[in-house]
Structure formats: structure tokens, C-alpha cells
Amino acid sequence: MTLVCAVVFFALITTATASVIPNIPADARWKQNGVTVAGGHGEGNATNQLWFPNGLFVDDDQTMVIAEWENHRVTQWKMGDTNGQVIAGGHGQGNRLDQLRYPADVLIDKETCLSGCAKIDMKVGLY
């Protein structure tokens, strides 16, 4: 199964040609109907919901890690999950170690070290 990610911001979907996206062949064929793999239950703070997903990272095993701007948390979604797992933040907005404030992006290195960036707090954390 191939995972294709599309990020929608304020109902605007940006498209790009295959020539500007590395590792996608120019003759790639895209499925006409996508499948929701994270969220899909309206905005909110339950573990089956997303609220302003801002940053997205997809690992080699197709695990998605999503920075949720309004939920002040980072969630992990494995293929087939119906609920995400909170892996950073999730205890309200703030500057404690168990809190985030408007996380903007996520990166995971080869040792699976999570790096998060919060725009408002101007901090970067390693988890």
C-alpha cells in the first residue's frame, strides 16, 4: 500500500507537479479516491480527531506524526489506527515540559528522536 499525503489549509489544496517532488516518477498514476487515515471526525481534542493539523511527518513504515496547532499536541498515527496516540504535549497550552503552545512542525531522525517546533513559544524540543 502506498501512502499519499495531502494537507488542506482553510479549504485550499495546493498541488505540485511530479518534477518538483523528489522520488515520484513523472509517469506516476494517482488513485481517484483517497482514504482518510487520521482524524475524519470533525475538529476537536478527542484522540480520533485533529484540530488544525499543521506539521506532518511520514516515517518509512508509514507512521504519521502530526503537529496539531489548536490542540497543542503532537500525535502519532500508525496505518490502520482509528485513534492517534499523543506523544508530545496534550496537557493544554503552556511552557511546561508536558505542554506545547501552537506546535508548527515535526521531524523525526533515523534514531526516532522527535523534534518539535512551536512558533509562538519560539522553542524547539527533543522528545
Foldseek 3Di string as FASTA:
>chain_A
DDDDDWDADPNDTDDDQPVVPPPADNPDDDDPDDDDQAAPPDDDLFQRHAAQFAAWDQDPQRWIWTQGQVQQFIWITHGPDNGTHTDAARPDDDDDRRGGHRWHYWDADPVRWIWIAHPVVRDIDTD
